[in-house]
Amino acid sequence: YNSYVIMDEKIAVMDTVDANFKDEWLENVAKVLDGAKPDYLVVQHMEPDHSANIENFVKAYPEATVVANTKTFAMMKNFFPKMDLAGRKLEVKDGESLTLGKHVLTFVFAPMVHWPEVMVTYDSTDKVLFSADGFGKFGALDVEEDWDCEARRYYFGIVGKYGVQVQNLLKAASALEIEKICPLHGPVLSENLEHYLGQYQTWSSYGVES
């Protein structure tokens, strides 16, 4: 499970991790912050392997604001009925942006890739696409293996029947200058992005691989 931190005048943490890794994740976040306090927690996807520690984060950093969309906040209320986010919610719409300082984050909704609340985030400063479950793969980061095989198995096991929705996301991504893809599962992709985008184009259009 991948979680990211963007250090700027305002600090944003991108998603949390599975419940089983609460302590390890909070320790890692604190280590990266090095005494600083996060301003935002951006929630792109509410599946429990990524959202399980939202309440723990809110308790650890009571001054942080949670950034999410309407559907995400509705799910959050059901997942964490005792969590009080009064005065700590920033509800974003499709295409809206959040400025951290030099980094500007733009939120692009990606419903049914593969849950209805999903959104991805584009950092126009570093040209990074935080792609939620998109472009993810099974397997640990320290395993040397080809991306295609496990990413293909992941795609068809997790996202496969939502080809039309993935096509819509690819169309939105085509308008962005992307130099790095940061998914919630698997390695950060920073080279040969045309290959990964091309594979998703083939898979989501139910094309034929040679």
Protein backbone atom coordinates (compact mmCIF):
# COMPACT_ATOMS: atom_id res chain seq x y z
CA TYR A 1 0.00 0.00 0.00
CA ASN A 2 1.51 3.30 -1.08
CA SER A 3 1.05 6.63 0.67
CA TYR A 4 2.84 9.81 -0.34
CA VAL A 5 3.81 13.10 1.29
CA ILE A 6 4.18 16.39 -0.60
CA MET A 7 6.40 18.81 1.32
CA ASP A 8 5.67 22.48 0.58
CA GLU A 9 4.51 25.61 2.40
CA LYS A 10 1.44 23.47 3.08
CA ILE A 11 2.07 19.75 3.52
CA ALA A 12 -0.24 17.15 1.99
CA VAL A 13 -0.37 13.45 2.81
CA MET A 14 -1.85 11.37 0.00
CA ASP A 15 -4.04 8.53 1.32
CA THR A 16 -3.46 6.13 4.20
CA VAL A 17 -2.88 2.36 4.31
CA ASP A 18 -4.36 -0.93 5.50
CA ALA A 19 -5.37 -1.28 9.17
CA ASN A 20 -2.66 -3.86 9.82
CA PHE A 21 0.06 -1.29 9.12
CA LYS A 22 -1.24 1.58 11.29
CA ASP A 23 1.80 1.95 13.55
CA GLU A 24 4.39 1.43 10.81
CA TRP A 25 2.65 3.95 8.55
CA LEU A 26 2.25 6.63 11.24
CA GLU A 27 5.92 6.19 12.18
CA ASN A 28 6.95 6.55 8.54
CA VAL A 29 4.83 9.66 8.10
CA ALA A 30 6.30 11.23 11.26
CA LYS A 31 9.81 10.41 10.08
CA VAL A 32 9.22 12.09 6.71
CA LEU A 33 7.59 15.12 8.34
CA ASP A 34 10.60 15.48 10.69
CA GLY A 35 8.72 17.55 13.25
CA ALA A 36 6.49 19.41 10.78
CA LYS A 37 2.71 19.13 10.92
CA PRO A 38 0.65 18.09 7.88
CA ASP A 39 -1.98 20.53 6.65
CA TYR A 40 -4.00 18.14 4.50
CA LEU A 41 -4.90 14.48 4.11
CA VAL A 42 -6.09 13.86 0.55
CA VAL A 43 -8.40 10.84 0.31
CA GLN A 44 -8.64 9.53 -3.24
CA HIS A 45 -10.20 6.13 -2.55
CA MET A 46 -12.25 4.71 0.34
CA GLU A 47 -11.49 1.01 -0.08
CA PRO A 48 -10.32 -0.12 3.39
CA ASP A 49 -6.82 -1.11 2.25
CA HIS A 50 -6.24 2.63 1.76
CA SER A 51 -8.76 4.38 4.01
CA ALA A 52 -8.49 2.34 7.22
CA ASN A 53 -6.25 4.85 9.01
CA ILE A 54 -8.09 8.08 8.27
CA GLU A 55 -9.45 8.30 11.81
CA ASN A 56 -6.04 7.43 13.29
CA PHE A 57 -4.43 10.17 11.19
CA VAL A 58 -7.05 12.70 12.28
CA LYS A 59 -6.38 11.84 15.92
CA ALA A 60 -2.61 12.07 15.44
CA TYR A 61 -2.82 15.40 13.60
CA PRO A 62 -5.89 17.25 14.95
CA GLU A 63 -5.16 20.44 12.99
CA ALA A 64 -5.06 18.75 9.56
CA THR A 65 -7.86 19.19 7.03
CA VAL A 66 -9.29 16.19 5.17
CA VAL A 67 -9.64 16.77 1.42
CA ALA A 68 -12.18 14.63 -0.43
CA ASN A 69 -15.27 14.76 -2.63
CA THR A 70 -18.95 14.50 -1.69
CA LYS A 71 -19.24 10.74 -2.22
CA THR A 72 -16.03 10.12 -0.29
CA PHE A 73 -17.23 12.10 2.73
CA ALA A 74 -20.54 10.19 2.67
CA MET A 75 -18.63 6.90 2.78
CA MET A 76 -16.32 8.25 5.48
CA LYS A 77 -19.30 8.99 7.71
CA ASN A 78 -20.41 5.36 7.39
CA PHE A 79 -16.91 3.93 7.85
CA PHE A 80 -16.07 6.12 10.88
CA PRO A 81 -19.38 7.12 12.54
CA LYS A 82 -17.63 8.50 15.66
CA MET A 83 -15.10 10.61 13.79
CA ASP A 84 -15.75 14.34 14.09
CA LEU A 85 -14.54 16.38 11.10
CA ALA A 86 -16.39 19.57 11.99
CA GLY A 87 -14.39 22.49 10.58
CA ARG A 88 -11.81 20.10 9.13
CA LYS A 89 -13.34 19.18 5.77
CA LEU A 90 -12.41 20.53 2.35
CA GLU A 91 -14.92 19.21 -0.16
CA VAL A 92 -13.59 19.41 -3.72
CA LYS A 93 -15.33 19.23 -7.07
CA ASP A 94 -14.11 17.66 -10.30
CA GLY A 95 -11.39 19.84 -11.81
CA GLU A 96 -10.86 21.98 -8.72
CA SER A 97 -7.35 22.76 -7.53
CA LEU A 98 -5.57 23.17 -4.21
CA THR A 99 -2.38 25.23 -3.93
CA LEU A 100 0.21 24.06 -1.40
CA GLY A 101 2.79 26.72 -2.28
CA LYS A 102 4.70 25.93 -5.42
CA HIS A 103 2.74 22.69 -5.87
CA VAL A 104 -0.75 22.93 -7.34
CA LEU A 105 -2.94 19.84 -7.02
CA THR A 106 -5.87 19.35 -9.41
CA PHE A 107 -8.48 16.71 -8.64
CA VAL A 108 -9.91 14.64 -11.49
CA PHE A 109 -12.86 12.40 -10.68
CA ALA A 110 -12.55 8.80 -11.86
CA PRO A 111 -15.82 7.12 -10.82
CA MET A 112 -15.85 3.31 -10.97
CA VAL A 113 -12.09 3.02 -11.35
CA HIS A 114 -13.02 0.99 -9.44
CA TRP A 115 -15.31 2.47 -6.74
CA PRO A 116 -17.82 5.32 -7.30
CA GLU A 117 -15.97 7.92 -5.19
CA VAL A 118 -12.52 7.53 -6.75
CA MET A 119 -10.55 10.58 -7.84
CA VAL A 120 -6.98 11.01 -9.00
CA THR A 121 -4.73 13.98 -8.31
CA TYR A 122 -2.41 15.80 -10.69
CA ASP A 123 0.52 17.84 -9.40
CA SER A 124 1.24 20.28 -12.23
CA THR A 125 4.51 21.44 -10.64
CA ASP A 126 6.30 18.09 -10.70
CA LYS A 127 3.98 16.67 -13.41
CA VAL A 128 2.99 13.76 -11.18
CA LEU A 129 -0.27 11.82 -11.48
CA PHE A 130 -1.36 10.26 -8.19
CA SER A 131 -3.43 7.58 -9.86
CA ALA A 132 -5.27 5.83 -6.97
CA ASP A 133 -5.65 2.15 -7.91
CA GLY A 134 -4.90 2.89 -11.56
CA PHE A 135 -1.56 1.59 -12.87
CA GLY A 136 -1.11 -0.48 -9.74
CA LYS A 137 0.12 -4.04 -9.51
CA PHE A 138 0.25 -6.92 -7.08
CA GLY A 139 3.50 -7.70 -5.31
CA ALA A 140 5.92 -5.99 -2.95
CA LEU A 141 8.12 -3.09 -4.05
CA ASP A 142 11.34 -4.94 -3.25
CA VAL A 143 10.61 -7.77 -5.69
CA GLU A 144 12.41 -7.53 -9.00
CA GLU A 145 9.81 -8.52 -11.56
CA ASP A 146 8.26 -7.35 -14.78
CA TRP A 147 5.44 -4.83 -14.34
CA ASP A 148 3.18 -6.09 -17.10
CA CYS A 149 2.33 -9.54 -15.78
CA GLU A 150 1.22 -8.57 -12.27
CA ALA A 151 -0.28 -5.26 -13.42
CA ARG A 152 -2.35 -7.14 -16.01
CA ARG A 153 -3.55 -9.63 -13.39
CA TYR A 154 -4.33 -6.72 -11.05
CA TYR A 155 -6.17 -4.78 -13.76
CA PHE A 156 -8.44 -7.62 -14.80
CA GLY A 157 -9.01 -8.81 -11.23
CA ILE A 158 -9.79 -5.39 -9.79
CA VAL A 159 -10.76 -2.92 -12.51
CA GLY A 160 -11.39 -5.08 -15.60
CA LYS A 161 -15.14 -4.71 -16.17
CA TYR A 162 -14.97 -0.90 -15.93
CA GLY A 163 -13.26 -0.42 -19.29
CA VAL A 164 -15.43 2.52 -20.33
CA GLN A 165 -14.64 4.36 -17.10
CA VAL A 166 -10.91 3.71 -17.53
CA GLN A 167 -11.14 5.02 -21.09
CA ASN A 168 -12.70 8.22 -19.73
CA LEU A 169 -9.82 8.58 -17.27
CA LEU A 170 -7.25 7.97 -20.02
CA LYS A 171 -8.86 10.73 -22.09
CA ALA A 172 -8.57 13.12 -19.16
CA ALA A 173 -4.95 12.04 -18.58
CA SER A 174 -4.07 12.60 -22.23
CA ALA A 175 -4.55 16.34 -21.70
CA LEU A 176 -1.97 16.35 -18.89
CA GLU A 177 1.81 16.42 -19.13
CA ILE A 178 2.73 13.42 -16.99
CA GLU A 179 6.32 12.58 -16.06
CA LYS A 180 5.61 10.29 -13.12
CA ILE A 181 2.74 8.04 -12.03
CA CYS A 182 2.31 7.31 -8.32
CA PRO A 183 -0.23 4.50 -7.79
CA LEU A 184 -1.58 3.17 -4.50
CA HIS A 185 -0.14 -0.27 -5.25
CA GLY A 186 3.18 -1.22 -6.82
CA PRO A 187 6.14 0.82 -8.06
CA VAL A 188 6.28 4.51 -8.92
CA LEU A 189 6.44 4.73 -12.71
CA SER A 190 8.83 7.35 -14.07
CA GLU A 191 10.24 5.86 -17.28
CA ASN A 192 8.65 4.64 -20.50
CA LEU A 193 5.23 5.95 -19.46
CA GLU A 194 3.95 5.49 -23.01
CA HIS A 195 4.19 1.74 -22.44
CA TYR A 196 2.06 1.75 -19.30
CA LEU A 197 -0.50 4.13 -20.77
CA GLY A 198 -0.56 2.00 -23.91
CA GLN A 199 -1.19 -1.18 -21.93
CA TYR A 200 -4.11 0.47 -20.13
CA GLN A 201 -5.47 1.64 -23.47
CA THR A 202 -5.34 -1.93 -24.80
CA TRP A 203 -6.80 -3.54 -21.68
CA SER A 204 -9.59 -1.00 -21.17
CA SER A 205 -10.65 -1.16 -24.82
CA TYR A 206 -10.52 -4.99 -24.70
CA GLY A 207 -7.92 -4.95 -27.45
CA VAL A 208 -5.47 -7.67 -28.41
CA GLU A 209 -1.94 -7.89 -27.06
CA SER A 210 0.74 -9.38 -29.26
